[in-house]
Protein backbone atom coordinates (compact mmCIF):
# COMPACT_ATOMS: atom_id res chain seq x y z
CA MET A 1 0.00 0.00 0.00
CA LYS A 2 3.02 2.25 0.32
CA ASP A 3 3.05 2.41 -3.51
CA CYS A 4 0.10 4.81 -3.27
CA PHE A 5 1.74 7.16 -0.74
CA ASP A 6 2.47 9.74 -3.46
CA GLY A 7 -1.09 9.55 -4.87
CA ASP A 8 -0.11 7.71 -8.05
CA CYS A 9 -0.56 3.92 -8.21
CA THR A 10 -2.45 0.86 -9.35
CA LEU A 11 -3.12 -1.43 -6.41
CA LEU A 12 -4.81 -4.85 -6.48
CA LEU A 13 -7.35 -5.08 -3.66
CA ALA A 14 -9.40 -8.10 -2.63
CA LYS A 15 -11.23 -6.30 0.18
CA PRO A 16 -11.72 -2.83 1.69
CA ALA A 17 -8.51 -1.17 2.88
CA LYS A 18 -7.03 2.02 4.30
CA ILE A 19 -4.55 3.60 1.86
CA PRO A 20 -1.86 5.82 3.48
CA LEU A 21 -1.12 9.09 1.67
CA ASP A 22 1.59 11.74 2.01
CA ALA A 23 -0.24 14.34 4.12
CA LYS A 24 2.58 16.86 3.70
CA ALA A 25 2.25 16.89 -0.11
CA LEU A 26 -1.42 15.95 -0.53
CA HIS A 27 -3.08 17.40 2.62
CA TYR A 28 -4.75 14.02 3.30
CA SER A 29 -3.15 11.32 5.45
CA SER A 30 -5.20 8.49 3.94
CA MET A 31 -8.21 7.38 1.98
CA ARG A 32 -10.33 4.33 2.72
CA VAL A 33 -11.67 1.98 0.07
CA THR A 34 -14.94 0.87 1.67
CA ALA A 35 -16.06 -1.59 -1.05
CA ILE A 36 -14.44 -3.04 -4.16
CA SER A 37 -15.52 -5.48 -6.86
CA ALA A 38 -14.97 -6.00 -10.58
CA ASP A 39 -17.87 -3.60 -11.21
CA GLY A 40 -17.02 -0.67 -8.95
CA LEU A 41 -15.46 0.72 -5.83
CA SER A 42 -16.51 3.09 -3.08
CA TYR A 43 -14.18 5.21 -1.00
CA THR A 44 -14.10 7.87 1.70
CA VAL A 45 -11.63 10.65 2.43
CA ALA A 46 -11.52 12.44 5.79
CA TYR A 47 -10.87 16.18 5.55
CA PRO A 48 -7.94 17.42 7.66
CA GLY A 49 -10.17 19.97 9.44
CA GLY A 50 -13.05 17.56 10.05
CA GLY A 51 -15.79 16.07 7.91
CA GLY A 52 -15.08 14.27 4.69
CA ALA A 53 -16.41 12.99 1.40
CA SER A 54 -17.36 9.68 -0.14
CA SER A 55 -17.85 8.57 -3.72
CA SER A 56 -18.32 5.50 -5.88
CA VAL A 57 -16.82 4.81 -9.31
CA GLY A 58 -17.11 2.15 -11.97
CA VAL A 59 -14.36 0.80 -14.20
CA GLY A 60 -12.28 3.63 -15.65
CA LEU A 61 -10.46 6.72 -14.40
CA GLY A 62 -11.62 10.27 -13.94
CA GLY A 63 -15.16 9.74 -12.69
CA SER A 64 -14.15 10.96 -9.24
CA ALA A 65 -11.36 12.95 -7.60
CA PHE A 66 -10.40 14.63 -4.35
CA GLY A 67 -7.92 17.38 -3.57
CA PHE A 68 -7.12 20.41 -1.48
CA GLN A 69 -7.60 23.91 -2.89
CA GLY A 70 -4.34 25.09 -4.43
CA GLY A 71 -2.79 21.63 -4.20
CA PRO A 72 -2.73 18.52 -6.36
CA SER A 73 -5.89 16.55 -6.94
CA ILE A 74 -6.07 12.77 -6.95
CA ARG A 75 -8.21 11.07 -9.59
CA VAL A 76 -9.72 7.80 -8.43
CA GLY A 77 -10.58 4.88 -10.67
CA LEU A 78 -10.96 1.15 -10.99
CA THR A 79 -9.26 -1.21 -13.42
CA LEU A 80 -9.07 -4.97 -13.77
CA VAL A 81 -5.70 -6.76 -13.65
CA ASP A 82 -6.03 -10.38 -14.78
CA GLY A 83 -9.74 -10.11 -13.96
CA LYS A 84 -9.12 -8.86 -10.41
CA PRO A 85 -10.17 -5.37 -9.24
CA ALA A 86 -7.48 -2.76 -8.69
CA LEU A 87 -7.66 0.75 -7.28
CA VAL A 88 -6.12 3.40 -9.55
CA LEU A 89 -4.91 6.73 -8.14
CA GLN A 90 -3.50 9.37 -10.46
CA ARG A 91 -2.06 12.61 -9.15
CA ASP A 92 -2.79 15.71 -11.21
CA ALA A 93 -0.69 18.86 -11.29
CA GLU A 94 -0.99 21.36 -8.47
CA GLY A 95 -3.99 23.54 -8.98
């Protein structure tokens, strides 16, 4: 899961998981995949100041993202690797 620390990875997941993130660079210390299957995934992100957001995506990238104003955003997606679901995170340029 450390592969996702910089907000850019493809990670095979068989079950929900907490994904550590670089809070210094991304303003978020982690995201949590709450459900994952070959058809979709759901995730939550806790905001540093309290509260948070949740979203669900199907196969593909770009249907959902999270980020901090003025900082990089992280696009969230789902892909299949040998038929198994994998979380995809892609870091965009600072905004």
